[in-house]
Every structure is written in structure tokens, then in C-alpha cells.
Amino acid sequence: MFEYFIGQIRERTPTHLVLDVAGVGFKLLI
């Protein structure tokens, strides 16, 4: 589910933005 969500974001945004969003989301999960 999480990998699918990241995949959808990656298709719509630049890679650097994806990494930023994923990093923030990962911190929120912890």
C-alpha cells in the first residue's frame, strides 16, 4: 500500500520532491 502511494507520487512529481515528501512522511510514521 505504501509502495503504491509512493509510486503514484513519483509519477506526478520530480524525484527530489518525492524524496522530500517520503522523508517527511517517514518521520511522521515514527
N, C-alpha and C. Protein backbone atom coordinates (compact mmCIF):
# COMPACT_ATOMS: atom_id res chain seq x y z
N MET A 1 0.84 -1.20 0.00
CA MET A 1 0.00 0.00 0.00
C MET A 1 0.87 1.25 0.00
N PHE A 2 1.87 1.27 0.89
CA PHE A 2 2.76 2.43 0.98
C PHE A 2 3.58 2.57 -0.30
N GLU A 3 4.05 1.46 -0.84
CA GLU A 3 4.84 1.49 -2.07
C GLU A 3 3.99 2.00 -3.24
N TYR A 4 2.73 1.61 -3.26
CA TYR A 4 1.81 2.09 -4.30
C TYR A 4 1.64 3.60 -4.20
N PHE A 5 1.48 4.10 -2.98
CA PHE A 5 1.31 5.53 -2.74
C PHE A 5 2.53 6.29 -3.22
N ILE A 6 3.72 5.80 -2.91
CA ILE A 6 4.96 6.44 -3.37
C ILE A 6 5.02 6.41 -4.89
N GLY A 7 4.60 5.30 -5.48
CA GLY A 7 4.62 5.18 -6.94
C GLY A 7 3.73 6.22 -7.60
N GLN A 8 2.56 6.44 -7.01
CA GLN A 8 1.64 7.43 -7.57
C GLN A 8 2.24 8.83 -7.49
N ILE A 9 2.89 9.14 -6.38
CA ILE A 9 3.51 10.45 -6.23
C ILE A 9 4.64 10.61 -7.23
N ARG A 10 5.45 9.57 -7.37
CA ARG A 10 6.62 9.64 -8.24
C ARG A 10 6.20 9.91 -9.68
N GLU A 11 5.04 9.42 -10.08
CA GLU A 11 4.59 9.63 -11.46
C GLU A 11 4.17 11.08 -11.71
N ARG A 12 3.88 11.80 -10.63
CA ARG A 12 3.32 13.15 -10.79
C ARG A 12 4.28 14.26 -10.39
N THR A 13 5.39 13.92 -9.75
CA THR A 13 6.28 14.95 -9.22
C THR A 13 7.74 14.64 -9.53
N PRO A 14 8.60 15.65 -9.46
CA PRO A 14 10.04 15.45 -9.64
C PRO A 14 10.60 14.55 -8.54
N THR A 15 11.68 13.86 -8.88
CA THR A 15 12.26 12.89 -7.95
C THR A 15 12.66 13.54 -6.63
N HIS A 16 13.27 14.69 -6.68
CA HIS A 16 13.73 15.32 -5.44
C HIS A 16 12.55 15.66 -4.53
N LEU A 17 11.43 16.04 -5.14
CA LEU A 17 10.25 16.35 -4.34
C LEU A 17 9.69 15.08 -3.70
N VAL A 18 9.74 13.99 -4.45
CA VAL A 18 9.27 12.71 -3.92
C VAL A 18 10.08 12.32 -2.69
N LEU A 19 11.38 12.48 -2.79
CA LEU A 19 12.25 12.11 -1.67
C LEU A 19 11.95 12.97 -0.45
N ASP A 20 11.68 14.24 -0.67
CA ASP A 20 11.36 15.14 0.44
C ASP A 20 10.05 14.73 1.11
N VAL A 21 9.04 14.48 0.30
CA VAL A 21 7.73 14.09 0.83
C VAL A 21 7.83 12.75 1.55
N ALA A 22 8.55 11.81 0.95
CA ALA A 22 8.70 10.49 1.56
C ALA A 22 9.45 10.61 2.88
N GLY A 23 10.46 11.47 2.92
CA GLY A 23 11.24 11.65 4.15
C GLY A 23 10.37 12.21 5.27
N VAL A 24 9.55 13.21 4.95
CA VAL A 24 8.66 13.80 5.95
C VAL A 24 7.63 12.77 6.41
N GLY A 25 7.05 12.06 5.46
CA GLY A 25 6.04 11.05 5.79
C GLY A 25 6.63 9.96 6.66
N PHE A 26 7.87 9.56 6.37
CA PHE A 26 8.53 8.52 7.15
C PHE A 26 8.74 8.97 8.58
N LYS A 27 9.12 10.24 8.76
CA LYS A 27 9.32 10.78 10.11
C LYS A 27 7.99 10.83 10.86
N LEU A 28 6.90 11.16 10.14
CA LEU A 28 5.59 11.23 10.79
C LEU A 28 5.15 9.84 11.25
N LEU A 29 5.51 8.81 10.48
CA LEU A 29 5.14 7.45 10.85
C LEU A 29 5.85 7.03 12.12
N ILE A 30 7.06 7.53 12.31
CA ILE A 30 7.82 7.19 13.52
C ILE A 30 7.38 8.12 14.64
